[in-house]
Amino acid sequence: MAGEVLSVSEAAHRLHLSRERVQALIRRGLLRADMVGHRWLIPASEIDRRVLVSQPRGRPMQPATAWREAMTAELPSSEAD
């Protein structure tokens, strides 16, 4: 593992998550990490990747709200016209 590596605590701080949530992400294979001794080490590049592909927070929209948003959204204008 080349480059900067972070502990679970450091990764949790950068991701604004709890240590337990970071450990759960590692166990589920959603966050790449290597066990060295009794510690998980997480590449800093993995934290950057996770931030770039993070899911929106909060509850999903209700179907009626999602349809209303979709129906009232403006379509991109075509410059080929």
Protein backbone atom coordinates (compact mmCIF):
# COMPACT_ATOMS: atom_id res chain seq x y z
CA MET A 1 0.00 0.00 0.00
CA ALA A 2 1.80 3.10 -1.26
CA GLY A 3 1.02 6.69 -0.32
CA GLU A 4 -0.67 8.15 2.72
CA VAL A 5 -2.63 5.75 4.90
CA LEU A 6 -5.15 6.56 7.61
CA SER A 7 -6.38 4.85 10.74
CA VAL A 8 -10.07 4.14 11.22
CA SER A 9 -10.34 7.20 13.48
CA GLU A 10 -8.67 9.47 10.92
CA ALA A 11 -10.85 8.11 8.12
CA ALA A 12 -13.97 8.59 10.24
CA HIS A 13 -13.00 12.20 10.89
CA ARG A 14 -12.41 12.92 7.18
CA LEU A 15 -15.66 11.21 6.15
CA HIS A 16 -17.69 12.77 9.00
CA LEU A 17 -18.73 9.30 10.15
CA SER A 18 -18.38 7.33 13.36
CA ARG A 19 -15.56 4.81 13.79
CA GLU A 20 -18.20 2.06 13.90
CA ARG A 21 -19.64 3.13 10.54
CA VAL A 22 -16.17 3.14 8.93
CA GLN A 23 -15.51 -0.36 10.32
CA ALA A 24 -18.88 -1.51 8.92
CA LEU A 25 -17.98 -0.10 5.48
CA ILE A 26 -14.70 -2.03 5.60
CA ARG A 27 -16.44 -5.28 6.62
CA ARG A 28 -19.00 -4.91 3.80
CA GLY A 29 -16.24 -4.28 1.25
CA LEU A 30 -17.39 -0.73 0.53
CA LEU A 31 -14.17 0.82 1.80
CA ARG A 32 -10.84 -0.78 0.89
CA ALA A 33 -8.48 -1.27 3.82
CA ASP A 34 -5.65 -3.57 4.86
CA MET A 35 -5.23 -5.16 8.26
CA VAL A 36 -1.72 -4.56 9.59
CA GLY A 37 -1.24 -6.18 12.97
CA HIS A 38 -4.45 -5.40 14.82
CA ARG A 39 -5.18 -2.15 12.97
CA TRP A 40 -7.00 -1.31 9.76
CA LEU A 41 -5.07 1.04 7.47
CA ILE A 42 -7.07 2.84 4.79
CA PRO A 43 -5.43 4.50 1.78
CA ALA A 44 -6.14 8.24 1.67
CA SER A 45 -7.04 7.81 -2.01
CA GLU A 46 -9.87 5.50 -0.90
CA ILE A 47 -11.29 8.30 1.26
CA ASP A 48 -11.13 10.69 -1.71
CA ARG A 49 -12.92 8.12 -3.89
CA ARG A 50 -15.60 7.61 -1.25
CA VAL A 51 -16.22 11.35 -0.97
CA LEU A 52 -16.60 11.68 -4.75
CA VAL A 53 -19.17 8.88 -5.01
CA SER A 54 -21.00 9.49 -1.75
CA GLN A 55 -24.74 8.97 -1.65
CA PRO A 56 -27.07 11.89 -0.96
CA ARG A 57 -28.15 11.99 2.66
CA GLY A 58 -31.67 11.91 3.96
CA ARG A 59 -34.74 9.93 3.14
CA PRO A 60 -35.61 9.18 -0.47
CA MET A 61 -38.41 11.17 -2.07
CA GLN A 62 -41.94 9.87 -1.97
CA PRO A 63 -43.06 8.63 -5.42
CA ALA A 64 -45.52 11.50 -5.89
CA THR A 65 -42.80 14.06 -5.07
CA ALA A 66 -40.29 12.38 -7.40
CA TRP A 67 -42.78 12.37 -10.29
CA ARG A 68 -43.70 16.01 -9.66
CA GLU A 69 -40.00 16.97 -9.72
CA ALA A 70 -39.43 14.98 -12.91
CA MET A 71 -42.46 16.46 -14.67
CA THR A 72 -41.61 20.07 -13.80
CA ALA A 73 -37.87 19.82 -14.55
CA GLU A 74 -36.65 21.87 -17.49
CA LEU A 75 -35.24 19.93 -20.39
CA PRO A 76 -31.80 20.96 -21.63
CA SER A 77 -31.99 23.19 -24.67
CA SER A 78 -30.64 21.75 -27.90
CA GLU A 79 -28.11 23.94 -29.69
CA ALA A 80 -28.54 21.89 -32.89
CA ASP A 81 -31.98 23.42 -33.62
